[in-house]
Amino acid sequence: MRRLPFVGAPDRPVVKLRVMVNIYLVGFMGAGKTTLGRRLAQHLGARFLDLDERLCERFGCPISEVFERHGEAVFRAAETEELTRASERSGLVVAVGGGAFSSQANRSVIEASEGISVFLELPWEVLEERLAADNAGRPVYRGPEQARRLYDERLPDYRRATLTIPLDGSEQQNRVVEIIMDAVRGAPCGI
């Protein structure tokens, strides 16, 4: 057996480095997955991937146009392909589209990658207010009543995430990043 040379001072413990697992931010439209994902990645020195942005690049148009031109089924299949590609990398913070985590196939991809899924749980009233202010380009948003039904439908899936971060919507973004980092550190496969 070949012995590797000792590196470092003999009086210091050897630190084993490991590859950072991917962190997947999940939640409903307006939860802040993209904004918080960018900040979290920057704080961790990780790469950031917004799954919706990646799909816009892939199709060469906004998601609403993808739904219009190709239909939701084509979009969802491409979403699973891109999520699978992301899961084959490490050291990513991924903002997962609002509907992606409702797919058992997508949840399986995340689980198989040994990544950590983090549900950003906000009260419906906060999400409703955010969506009223900014719902442009959200192809599945058709008004507050329909969005509430969709939220209620997806909520049990979101709660299957590795971690749930309950928020009230008043937190500063940097504070939410700290909360996420603390929760991820405490997870069995944390950073």
N, C-alpha and C. Protein backbone atom coordinates (compact mmCIF):
# COMPACT_ATOMS: atom_id res chain seq x y z
N MET A 1 0.84 -1.18 0.00
CA MET A 1 0.00 0.00 0.00
C MET A 1 0.89 1.24 0.00
N ARG A 2 0.58 2.15 -0.89
CA ARG A 2 1.35 3.39 -1.00
C ARG A 2 0.90 4.34 0.08
N ARG A 3 1.82 4.92 0.80
CA ARG A 3 1.50 5.87 1.86
C ARG A 3 1.61 7.28 1.30
N LEU A 4 0.65 8.08 1.66
CA LEU A 4 0.67 9.48 1.25
C LEU A 4 1.49 10.27 2.25
N PRO A 5 2.25 11.26 1.77
CA PRO A 5 3.04 12.06 2.71
C PRO A 5 2.13 12.88 3.62
N PHE A 6 2.57 13.09 4.85
CA PHE A 6 1.82 13.90 5.80
C PHE A 6 1.98 15.36 5.41
N VAL A 7 0.90 16.07 5.37
CA VAL A 7 0.93 17.49 5.05
C VAL A 7 0.37 18.23 6.25
N GLY A 8 1.10 19.23 6.72
CA GLY A 8 0.62 20.02 7.85
C GLY A 8 1.48 19.76 9.07
N ALA A 9 1.24 20.52 10.07
CA ALA A 9 2.01 20.40 11.31
C ALA A 9 1.57 19.15 12.06
N PRO A 10 2.49 18.37 12.61
CA PRO A 10 2.13 17.14 13.30
C PRO A 10 1.30 17.37 14.56
N ASP A 11 1.32 18.58 15.11
CA ASP A 11 0.54 18.84 16.33
C ASP A 11 -0.87 19.33 16.03
N ARG A 12 -1.23 19.42 14.77
CA ARG A 12 -2.58 19.88 14.39
C ARG A 12 -3.37 18.72 13.83
N PRO A 13 -4.66 18.67 14.13
CA PRO A 13 -5.47 17.57 13.59
C PRO A 13 -5.64 17.72 12.07
N VAL A 14 -5.76 16.60 11.41
CA VAL A 14 -5.99 16.61 9.97
C VAL A 14 -7.46 16.90 9.74
N VAL A 15 -7.75 17.84 8.88
CA VAL A 15 -9.13 18.20 8.56
C VAL A 15 -9.48 17.56 7.24
N LYS A 16 -10.54 16.80 7.25
CA LYS A 16 -11.00 16.18 6.02
C LYS A 16 -11.98 17.14 5.36
N LEU A 17 -11.72 17.47 4.12
CA LEU A 17 -12.61 18.34 3.37
C LEU A 17 -13.61 17.48 2.61
N ARG A 18 -14.82 17.97 2.49
CA ARG A 18 -15.80 17.24 1.71
C ARG A 18 -16.46 18.20 0.73
N VAL A 19 -17.00 17.65 -0.29
CA VAL A 19 -17.67 18.45 -1.31
C VAL A 19 -19.00 18.92 -0.73
N MET A 20 -19.31 20.18 -0.97
CA MET A 20 -20.58 20.71 -0.48
C MET A 20 -21.73 20.10 -1.26
N VAL A 21 -22.75 19.67 -0.54
CA VAL A 21 -23.94 19.14 -1.19
C VAL A 21 -24.72 20.30 -1.81
N ASN A 22 -25.56 19.97 -2.76
CA ASN A 22 -26.41 20.99 -3.34
C ASN A 22 -27.53 21.34 -2.37
N ILE A 23 -27.90 22.60 -2.39
CA ILE A 23 -29.03 23.08 -1.60
C ILE A 23 -30.10 23.52 -2.60
N TYR A 24 -31.29 22.95 -2.47
CA TYR A 24 -32.40 23.23 -3.38
C TYR A 24 -33.45 24.02 -2.63
N LEU A 25 -33.69 25.27 -3.02
CA LEU A 25 -34.71 26.10 -2.39
C LEU A 25 -36.03 25.86 -3.10
N VAL A 26 -37.04 25.47 -2.33
CA VAL A 26 -38.36 25.18 -2.88
C VAL A 26 -39.40 26.03 -2.18
N GLY A 27 -40.50 26.21 -2.85
CA GLY A 27 -41.60 26.99 -2.28
C GLY A 27 -42.47 27.56 -3.38
N PHE A 28 -43.52 28.23 -2.96
CA PHE A 28 -44.50 28.77 -3.90
C PHE A 28 -43.96 30.01 -4.59
N MET A 29 -44.65 30.41 -5.64
CA MET A 29 -44.33 31.65 -6.34
C MET A 29 -44.27 32.78 -5.31
N GLY A 30 -43.25 33.63 -5.44
CA GLY A 30 -43.16 34.78 -4.56
C GLY A 30 -42.48 34.51 -3.22
N ALA A 31 -42.01 33.28 -3.01
CA ALA A 31 -41.38 32.95 -1.73
C ALA A 31 -39.98 33.54 -1.60
N GLY A 32 -39.38 33.95 -2.71
CA GLY A 32 -38.05 34.55 -2.67
C GLY A 32 -36.92 33.58 -2.98
N LYS A 33 -37.24 32.49 -3.65
CA LYS A 33 -36.23 31.46 -3.93
C LYS A 33 -35.05 32.01 -4.72
N THR A 34 -35.30 32.80 -5.73
CA THR A 34 -34.22 33.34 -6.56
C THR A 34 -33.39 34.36 -5.81
N THR A 35 -34.04 35.32 -5.21
CA THR A 35 -33.33 36.37 -4.47
C THR A 35 -32.50 35.79 -3.33
N LEU A 36 -33.13 34.94 -2.54
CA LEU A 36 -32.42 34.34 -1.41
C LEU A 36 -31.36 33.35 -1.88
N GLY A 37 -31.65 32.65 -2.97
CA GLY A 37 -30.68 31.70 -3.51
C GLY A 37 -29.40 32.37 -3.94
N ARG A 38 -29.53 33.51 -4.60
CA ARG A 38 -28.33 34.27 -5.02
C ARG A 38 -27.50 34.69 -3.80
N ARG A 39 -28.17 35.20 -2.80
CA ARG A 39 -27.46 35.64 -1.58
C ARG A 39 -26.83 34.48 -0.83
N LEU A 40 -27.57 33.38 -0.74
CA LEU A 40 -27.05 32.20 -0.05
C LEU A 40 -25.81 31.66 -0.77
N ALA A 41 -25.88 31.57 -2.09
CA ALA A 41 -24.73 31.08 -2.86
C ALA A 41 -23.52 31.99 -2.66
N GLN A 42 -23.75 33.28 -2.71
CA GLN A 42 -22.66 34.23 -2.52
C GLN A 42 -22.05 34.06 -1.12
N HIS A 43 -22.89 33.90 -0.14
CA HIS A 43 -22.42 33.75 1.24
C HIS A 43 -21.61 32.46 1.43
N LEU A 44 -22.01 31.41 0.72
CA LEU A 44 -21.34 30.12 0.84
C LEU A 44 -20.15 29.98 -0.11
N GLY A 45 -20.02 30.92 -1.04
CA GLY A 45 -18.98 30.78 -2.07
C GLY A 45 -19.34 29.67 -3.03
N ALA A 46 -20.64 29.45 -3.22
CA ALA A 46 -21.14 28.40 -4.10
C ALA A 46 -21.62 29.01 -5.42
N ARG A 47 -21.92 28.16 -6.36
CA ARG A 47 -22.52 28.62 -7.61
C ARG A 47 -24.03 28.62 -7.44
N PHE A 48 -24.70 29.54 -8.15
CA PHE A 48 -26.15 29.65 -8.08
C PHE A 48 -26.74 29.26 -9.42
N LEU A 49 -27.83 28.50 -9.36
CA LEU A 49 -28.57 28.13 -10.57
C LEU A 49 -30.04 28.34 -10.32
N ASP A 50 -30.65 29.18 -11.13
CA ASP A 50 -32.10 29.36 -11.09
C ASP A 50 -32.67 28.46 -12.18
N LEU A 51 -33.42 27.46 -11.79
CA LEU A 51 -33.94 26.50 -12.75
C LEU A 51 -34.83 27.17 -13.79
N ASP A 52 -35.66 28.12 -13.37
CA ASP A 52 -36.51 28.83 -14.33
C ASP A 52 -35.69 29.63 -15.33
N GLU A 53 -34.64 30.30 -14.86
CA GLU A 53 -33.78 31.06 -15.77
C GLU A 53 -33.09 30.13 -16.76
N ARG A 54 -32.65 28.98 -16.27
CA ARG A 54 -32.01 28.00 -17.14
C ARG A 54 -32.97 27.52 -18.23
N LEU A 55 -34.24 27.33 -17.86
CA LEU A 55 -35.24 26.90 -18.83
C LEU A 55 -35.54 28.00 -19.85
N CYS A 56 -35.53 29.25 -19.41
CA CYS A 56 -35.71 30.36 -20.35
C CYS A 56 -34.57 30.37 -21.38
N GLU A 57 -33.35 30.14 -20.91
CA GLU A 57 -32.20 30.07 -21.82
C GLU A 57 -32.37 28.91 -22.79
N ARG A 58 -32.77 27.78 -22.27
CA ARG A 58 -32.91 26.58 -23.10
C ARG A 58 -33.93 26.79 -24.21
N PHE A 59 -35.07 27.39 -23.88
CA PHE A 59 -36.12 27.58 -24.87
C PHE A 59 -35.99 28.89 -25.65
N GLY A 60 -35.17 29.80 -25.14
CA GLY A 60 -34.98 31.07 -25.82
C GLY A 60 -36.15 32.02 -25.69
N CYS A 61 -36.94 31.86 -24.64
CA CYS A 61 -38.09 32.74 -24.43
C CYS A 61 -38.54 32.63 -22.98
N PRO A 62 -39.38 33.57 -22.53
CA PRO A 62 -39.89 33.51 -21.16
C PRO A 62 -40.74 32.24 -20.94
N ILE A 63 -40.85 31.84 -19.70
CA ILE A 63 -41.60 30.62 -19.37
C ILE A 63 -43.05 30.72 -19.82
N SER A 64 -43.64 31.89 -19.71
CA SER A 64 -45.03 32.04 -20.15
C SER A 64 -45.17 31.70 -21.63
N GLU A 65 -44.17 32.05 -22.43
CA GLU A 65 -44.20 31.70 -23.86
C GLU A 65 -43.97 30.21 -24.08
N VAL A 66 -43.13 29.61 -23.24
CA VAL A 66 -42.92 28.15 -23.35
C VAL A 66 -44.25 27.45 -23.11
N PHE A 67 -44.98 27.86 -22.09
CA PHE A 67 -46.29 27.27 -21.81
C PHE A 67 -47.22 27.47 -23.00
N GLU A 68 -47.21 28.70 -23.56
CA GLU A 68 -48.09 29.03 -24.68
C GLU A 68 -47.75 28.23 -25.93
N ARG A 69 -46.47 28.19 -26.30
CA ARG A 69 -46.02 27.53 -27.54
C ARG A 69 -45.99 26.02 -27.45
N HIS A 70 -45.51 25.50 -26.32
CA HIS A 70 -45.22 24.06 -26.24
C HIS A 70 -46.11 23.32 -25.25
N GLY A 71 -46.72 24.04 -24.32
CA GLY A 71 -47.57 23.40 -23.32
C GLY A 71 -46.81 23.08 -22.04
N GLU A 72 -47.57 22.89 -20.99
CA GLU A 72 -46.96 22.64 -19.69
C GLU A 72 -46.21 21.32 -19.64
N ALA A 73 -46.71 20.29 -20.33
CA ALA A 73 -46.05 18.97 -20.29
C ALA A 73 -44.62 19.04 -20.82
N VAL A 74 -44.42 19.76 -21.91
CA VAL A 74 -43.07 19.91 -22.48
C VAL A 74 -42.18 20.68 -21.50
N PHE A 75 -42.73 21.73 -20.92
CA PHE A 75 -41.98 22.51 -19.93
C PHE A 75 -41.56 21.63 -18.76
N ARG A 76 -42.50 20.86 -18.21
CA ARG A 76 -42.20 20.03 -17.03
C ARG A 76 -41.16 18.96 -17.35
N ALA A 77 -41.21 18.39 -18.54
CA ALA A 77 -40.20 17.38 -18.92
C ALA A 77 -38.81 18.03 -19.00
N ALA A 78 -38.74 19.21 -19.59
CA ALA A 78 -37.46 19.93 -19.67
C ALA A 78 -36.98 20.33 -18.28
N GLU A 79 -37.91 20.68 -17.41
CA GLU A 79 -37.58 21.05 -16.04
C GLU A 79 -36.91 19.88 -15.32
N THR A 80 -37.45 18.69 -15.50
CA THR A 80 -36.86 17.50 -14.88
C THR A 80 -35.47 17.22 -15.46
N GLU A 81 -35.30 17.39 -16.77
CA GLU A 81 -33.99 17.20 -17.39
C GLU A 81 -32.95 18.16 -16.82
N GLU A 82 -33.33 19.43 -16.70
CA GLU A 82 -32.39 20.43 -16.19
C GLU A 82 -32.09 20.20 -14.71
N LEU A 83 -33.09 19.79 -13.95
CA LEU A 83 -32.86 19.48 -12.54
C LEU A 83 -31.92 18.29 -12.40
N THR A 84 -32.08 17.31 -13.26
CA THR A 84 -31.19 16.14 -13.25
C THR A 84 -29.76 16.56 -13.56
N ARG A 85 -29.59 17.43 -14.55
CA ARG A 85 -28.24 17.94 -14.87
C ARG A 85 -27.63 18.66 -13.66
N ALA A 86 -28.43 19.48 -13.03
CA ALA A 86 -27.93 20.22 -11.85
C ALA A 86 -27.55 19.26 -10.74
N SER A 87 -28.33 18.19 -10.57
CA SER A 87 -28.07 17.25 -9.48
C SER A 87 -26.78 16.46 -9.68
N GLU A 88 -26.28 16.45 -10.89
CA GLU A 88 -25.03 15.73 -11.19
C GLU A 88 -23.80 16.57 -10.83
N ARG A 89 -24.03 17.81 -10.46
CA ARG A 89 -22.95 18.70 -10.03
C ARG A 89 -22.99 18.81 -8.51
N SER A 90 -21.99 19.44 -7.95
CA SER A 90 -22.01 19.67 -6.51
C SER A 90 -21.65 21.12 -6.25
N GLY A 91 -21.95 21.57 -5.05
CA GLY A 91 -21.63 22.94 -4.67
C GLY A 91 -22.55 23.97 -5.28
N LEU A 92 -23.80 23.58 -5.54
CA LEU A 92 -24.77 24.51 -6.11
C LEU A 92 -25.83 24.90 -5.10
N VAL A 93 -26.33 26.11 -5.24
CA VAL A 93 -27.58 26.51 -4.61
C VAL A 93 -28.55 26.65 -5.78
N VAL A 94 -29.64 25.89 -5.74
CA VAL A 94 -30.58 25.84 -6.86
C VAL A 94 -31.92 26.40 -6.43
N ALA A 95 -32.41 27.41 -7.14
CA ALA A 95 -33.77 27.89 -6.96
C ALA A 95 -34.65 27.03 -7.86
N VAL A 96 -35.49 26.22 -7.23
CA VAL A 96 -36.34 25.27 -7.95
C VAL A 96 -37.68 25.96 -8.23
N GLY A 97 -38.16 25.84 -9.45
CA GLY A 97 -39.43 26.45 -9.81
C GLY A 97 -40.56 26.04 -8.88
N GLY A 98 -41.56 26.90 -8.75
CA GLY A 98 -42.65 26.70 -7.82
C GLY A 98 -43.41 25.39 -7.98
N GLY A 99 -43.50 24.88 -9.20
CA GLY A 99 -44.23 23.63 -9.42
C GLY A 99 -43.35 22.41 -9.48
N ALA A 100 -42.05 22.60 -9.58
CA ALA A 100 -41.14 21.47 -9.78
C ALA A 100 -41.16 20.47 -8.64
N PHE A 101 -41.26 20.95 -7.40
CA PHE A 101 -41.18 20.06 -6.25
C PHE A 101 -42.47 19.27 -6.06
N SER A 102 -43.50 19.61 -6.82
CA SER A 102 -44.74 18.84 -6.76
C SER A 102 -44.64 17.55 -7.56
N SER A 103 -43.59 17.40 -8.31
CA SER A 103 -43.36 16.20 -9.11
C SER A 103 -42.56 15.18 -8.29
N GLN A 104 -43.11 13.98 -8.14
CA GLN A 104 -42.39 12.92 -7.43
C GLN A 104 -41.06 12.64 -8.12
N ALA A 105 -41.03 12.69 -9.44
CA ALA A 105 -39.78 12.45 -10.17
C ALA A 105 -38.72 13.47 -9.77
N ASN A 106 -39.10 14.73 -9.66
CA ASN A 106 -38.14 15.77 -9.28
C ASN A 106 -37.69 15.62 -7.83
N ARG A 107 -38.61 15.28 -6.96
CA ARG A 107 -38.22 15.05 -5.57
C ARG A 107 -37.24 13.89 -5.48
N SER A 108 -37.45 12.87 -6.30
CA SER A 108 -36.54 11.72 -6.33
C SER A 108 -35.16 12.10 -6.84
N VAL A 109 -35.11 12.98 -7.84
CA VAL A 109 -33.82 13.45 -8.36
C VAL A 109 -33.05 14.15 -7.25
N ILE A 110 -33.72 15.03 -6.52
CA ILE A 110 -33.07 15.77 -5.43
C ILE A 110 -32.62 14.81 -4.33
N GLU A 111 -33.49 13.88 -3.97
CA GLU A 111 -33.15 12.92 -2.92
C GLU A 111 -31.96 12.05 -3.34
N ALA A 112 -31.97 11.58 -4.58
CA ALA A 112 -30.88 10.72 -5.06
C ALA A 112 -29.54 11.45 -5.10
N SER A 113 -29.60 12.76 -5.27
CA SER A 113 -28.36 13.56 -5.31
C SER A 113 -27.80 13.80 -3.92
N GLU A 114 -28.55 13.38 -2.89
CA GLU A 114 -28.19 13.61 -1.50
C GLU A 114 -28.10 15.09 -1.17
N GLY A 115 -28.83 15.89 -1.96
CA GLY A 115 -28.90 17.32 -1.68
C GLY A 115 -29.89 17.60 -0.58
N ILE A 116 -29.92 18.85 -0.16
CA ILE A 116 -30.82 19.28 0.90
C ILE A 116 -31.88 20.19 0.28
N SER A 117 -33.14 19.78 0.39
CA SER A 117 -34.22 20.63 -0.08
C SER A 117 -34.71 21.48 1.09
N VAL A 118 -34.90 22.76 0.83
CA VAL A 118 -35.27 23.72 1.87
C VAL A 118 -36.55 24.43 1.43
N PHE A 119 -37.63 24.19 2.18
CA PHE A 119 -38.91 24.82 1.89
C PHE A 119 -38.98 26.17 2.59
N LEU A 120 -39.12 27.22 1.79
CA LEU A 120 -39.30 28.57 2.32
C LEU A 120 -40.80 28.77 2.53
N GLU A 121 -41.25 28.58 3.75
CA GLU A 121 -42.68 28.60 4.07
C GLU A 121 -43.10 29.98 4.57
N LEU A 122 -43.91 30.61 3.76
CA LEU A 122 -44.46 31.93 4.11
C LEU A 122 -45.97 31.83 4.23
N PRO A 123 -46.58 32.65 5.07
CA PRO A 123 -48.05 32.64 5.16
C PRO A 123 -48.66 33.03 3.82
N TRP A 124 -49.82 32.45 3.53
CA TRP A 124 -50.48 32.73 2.27
C TRP A 124 -50.68 34.25 2.06
N GLU A 125 -51.03 34.96 3.10
CA GLU A 125 -51.30 36.40 2.97
C GLU A 125 -50.08 37.16 2.45
N VAL A 126 -48.90 36.75 2.86
CA VAL A 126 -47.67 37.40 2.38
C VAL A 126 -47.45 37.07 0.91
N LEU A 127 -47.63 35.80 0.55
CA LEU A 127 -47.46 35.40 -0.84
C LEU A 127 -48.49 36.10 -1.73
N GLU A 128 -49.72 36.18 -1.26
CA GLU A 128 -50.78 36.83 -2.03
C GLU A 128 -50.43 38.30 -2.30
N GLU A 129 -49.92 38.97 -1.28
CA GLU A 129 -49.53 40.38 -1.42
C GLU A 129 -48.38 40.52 -2.43
N ARG A 130 -47.39 39.64 -2.33
CA ARG A 130 -46.26 39.69 -3.27
C ARG A 130 -46.70 39.41 -4.69
N LEU A 131 -47.59 38.44 -4.86
CA LEU A 131 -48.06 38.09 -6.20
C LEU A 131 -48.94 39.19 -6.79
N ALA A 132 -49.71 39.88 -5.96
CA ALA A 132 -50.53 40.99 -6.44
C ALA A 132 -49.63 42.10 -6.98
N ALA A 133 -48.48 42.28 -6.34
CA ALA A 133 -47.54 43.32 -6.76
C ALA A 133 -46.71 42.91 -7.96
N ASP A 134 -46.46 41.60 -8.12
CA ASP A 134 -45.59 41.14 -9.20
C ASP A 134 -45.97 39.73 -9.62
N ASN A 135 -46.85 39.63 -10.63
CA ASN A 135 -47.21 38.31 -11.14
C ASN A 135 -46.91 38.17 -12.62
N ALA A 136 -46.24 39.15 -13.18
CA ALA A 136 -45.91 39.12 -14.61
C ALA A 136 -45.02 37.93 -14.93
N GLY A 137 -45.33 37.25 -16.00
CA GLY A 137 -44.50 36.15 -16.46
C GLY A 137 -44.70 34.85 -15.70
N ARG A 138 -45.66 34.81 -14.81
CA ARG A 138 -45.92 33.58 -14.06
C ARG A 138 -47.08 32.86 -14.76
N PRO A 139 -46.74 31.84 -15.54
CA PRO A 139 -47.76 31.23 -16.41
C PRO A 139 -48.89 30.51 -15.68
N VAL A 140 -48.69 30.11 -14.45
CA VAL A 140 -49.77 29.41 -13.75
C VAL A 140 -50.56 30.33 -12.83
N TYR A 141 -50.22 31.63 -12.80
CA TYR A 141 -50.95 32.58 -11.97
C TYR A 141 -52.13 33.13 -12.77
N ARG A 142 -53.34 32.88 -12.26
CA ARG A 142 -54.55 33.36 -12.93
C ARG A 142 -55.47 34.10 -11.97
N GLY A 143 -54.87 34.69 -10.95
CA GLY A 143 -55.65 35.44 -9.97
C GLY A 143 -55.49 34.83 -8.59
N PRO A 144 -55.87 35.60 -7.56
CA PRO A 144 -55.63 35.17 -6.19
C PRO A 144 -56.39 33.90 -5.78
N GLU A 145 -57.61 33.72 -6.26
CA GLU A 145 -58.37 32.54 -5.86
C GLU A 145 -57.74 31.28 -6.44
N GLN A 146 -57.39 31.32 -7.70
CA GLN A 146 -56.76 30.17 -8.34
C GLN A 146 -55.39 29.91 -7.73
N ALA A 147 -54.64 30.96 -7.44
CA ALA A 147 -53.31 30.80 -6.84
C ALA A 147 -53.43 30.17 -5.46
N ARG A 148 -54.44 30.55 -4.69
CA ARG A 148 -54.63 29.97 -3.36
C ARG A 148 -54.91 28.47 -3.46
N ARG A 149 -55.76 28.09 -4.43
CA ARG A 149 -56.04 26.66 -4.61
C ARG A 149 -54.76 25.90 -4.97
N LEU A 150 -53.95 26.50 -5.84
CA LEU A 150 -52.70 25.87 -6.26
C LEU A 150 -51.73 25.77 -5.08
N TYR A 151 -51.67 26.81 -4.27
CA TYR A 151 -50.83 26.80 -3.07
C TYR A 151 -51.25 25.67 -2.13
N ASP A 152 -52.55 25.58 -1.87
CA ASP A 152 -53.07 24.54 -0.98
C ASP A 152 -52.76 23.15 -1.54
N GLU A 153 -52.85 23.00 -2.84
CA GLU A 153 -52.56 21.72 -3.50
C GLU A 153 -51.08 21.35 -3.38
N ARG A 154 -50.20 22.33 -3.51
CA ARG A 154 -48.75 22.06 -3.49
C ARG A 154 -48.16 21.99 -2.08
N LEU A 155 -48.82 22.56 -1.12
CA LEU A 155 -48.28 22.65 0.24
C LEU A 155 -47.84 21.30 0.81
N PRO A 156 -48.62 20.23 0.68
CA PRO A 156 -48.16 18.94 1.21
C PRO A 156 -46.85 18.47 0.55
N ASP A 157 -46.66 18.78 -0.72
CA ASP A 157 -45.41 18.41 -1.40
C ASP A 157 -44.25 19.23 -0.86
N TYR A 158 -44.45 20.53 -0.70
CA TYR A 158 -43.39 21.38 -0.17
C TYR A 158 -42.95 20.89 1.21
N ARG A 159 -43.90 20.43 1.98
CA ARG A 159 -43.58 19.98 3.34
C ARG A 159 -42.80 18.67 3.37
N ARG A 160 -42.57 18.07 2.21
CA ARG A 160 -41.72 16.88 2.12
C ARG A 160 -40.25 17.24 2.01
N ALA A 161 -39.96 18.53 1.96
CA ALA A 161 -38.57 18.98 1.86
C ALA A 161 -37.78 18.51 3.08
N THR A 162 -36.47 18.42 2.91
CA THR A 162 -35.58 18.03 4.00
C THR A 162 -35.76 18.97 5.19
N LEU A 163 -35.82 20.26 4.90
CA LEU A 163 -35.96 21.28 5.94
C LEU A 163 -37.09 22.23 5.58
N THR A 164 -37.77 22.73 6.60
CA THR A 164 -38.77 23.77 6.41
C THR A 164 -38.32 24.98 7.20
N ILE A 165 -38.29 26.12 6.52
CA ILE A 165 -37.91 27.37 7.17
C ILE A 165 -39.17 28.23 7.26
N PRO A 166 -39.82 28.28 8.44
CA PRO A 166 -41.01 29.11 8.58
C PRO A 166 -40.61 30.58 8.68
N LEU A 167 -41.21 31.38 7.83
CA LEU A 167 -40.92 32.82 7.78
C LEU A 167 -42.23 33.58 7.89
N ASP A 168 -42.15 34.84 8.33
CA ASP A 168 -43.37 35.64 8.37
C ASP A 168 -43.37 36.73 7.29
N GLY A 169 -42.27 36.85 6.54
CA GLY A 169 -42.20 37.81 5.46
C GLY A 169 -41.59 39.13 5.84
N SER A 170 -41.38 39.36 7.13
CA SER A 170 -40.82 40.64 7.55
C SER A 170 -39.30 40.57 7.71
N GLU A 171 -38.73 39.38 7.64
CA GLU A 171 -37.30 39.19 7.86
C GLU A 171 -36.48 39.86 6.75
N GLN A 172 -35.34 40.41 7.15
CA GLN A 172 -34.38 40.95 6.18
C GLN A 172 -33.76 39.77 5.44
N GLN A 173 -33.39 39.98 4.19
CA GLN A 173 -32.85 38.88 3.37
C GLN A 173 -31.60 38.26 3.99
N ASN A 174 -30.71 39.09 4.52
CA ASN A 174 -29.49 38.53 5.12
C ASN A 174 -29.82 37.67 6.34
N ARG A 175 -30.85 38.03 7.07
CA ARG A 175 -31.25 37.23 8.23
C ARG A 175 -31.80 35.88 7.77
N VAL A 176 -32.57 35.88 6.69
CA VAL A 176 -33.11 34.62 6.18
C VAL A 176 -31.96 33.71 5.71
N VAL A 177 -30.95 34.29 5.08
CA VAL A 177 -29.79 33.50 4.65
C VAL A 177 -29.13 32.87 5.88
N GLU A 178 -28.99 33.62 6.95
CA GLU A 178 -28.40 33.07 8.19
C GLU A 178 -29.26 31.93 8.74
N ILE A 179 -30.56 32.11 8.72
CA ILE A 179 -31.47 31.07 9.22
C ILE A 179 -31.32 29.80 8.38
N ILE A 180 -31.27 29.96 7.06
CA ILE A 180 -31.11 28.80 6.17
C ILE A 180 -29.78 28.11 6.45
N MET A 181 -28.70 28.90 6.56
CA MET A 181 -27.38 28.30 6.80
C MET A 181 -27.35 27.55 8.12
N ASP A 182 -27.93 28.11 9.17
CA ASP A 182 -27.97 27.42 10.46
C ASP A 182 -28.74 26.11 10.35
N ALA A 183 -29.87 26.14 9.64
CA ALA A 183 -30.68 24.93 9.49
C ALA A 183 -29.95 23.87 8.67
N VAL A 184 -29.28 24.29 7.60
CA VAL A 184 -28.55 23.35 6.75
C VAL A 184 -27.39 22.74 7.51
N ARG A 185 -26.70 23.54 8.28
CA ARG A 185 -25.57 23.02 9.09
C ARG A 185 -26.04 21.92 10.03
N GLY A 186 -27.25 22.05 10.56
CA GLY A 186 -27.78 21.07 11.49
C GLY A 186 -28.37 19.84 10.82
N ALA A 187 -28.53 19.87 9.50
CA ALA A 187 -29.11 18.73 8.78
C ALA A 187 -28.10 17.58 8.75
N PRO A 188 -28.58 16.35 8.69
CA PRO A 188 -27.68 15.19 8.70
C PRO A 188 -26.61 15.22 7.61
N CYS A 189 -26.92 15.82 6.47
CA CYS A 189 -25.94 15.87 5.39
C CYS A 189 -25.53 17.31 5.13
N GLY A 190 -25.52 18.13 6.17
CA GLY A 190 -25.27 19.57 6.04
C GLY A 190 -23.85 19.92 5.64
N ILE A 191 -23.66 21.23 5.47
CA ILE A 191 -22.36 21.74 5.02
C ILE A 191 -21.41 21.90 6.18
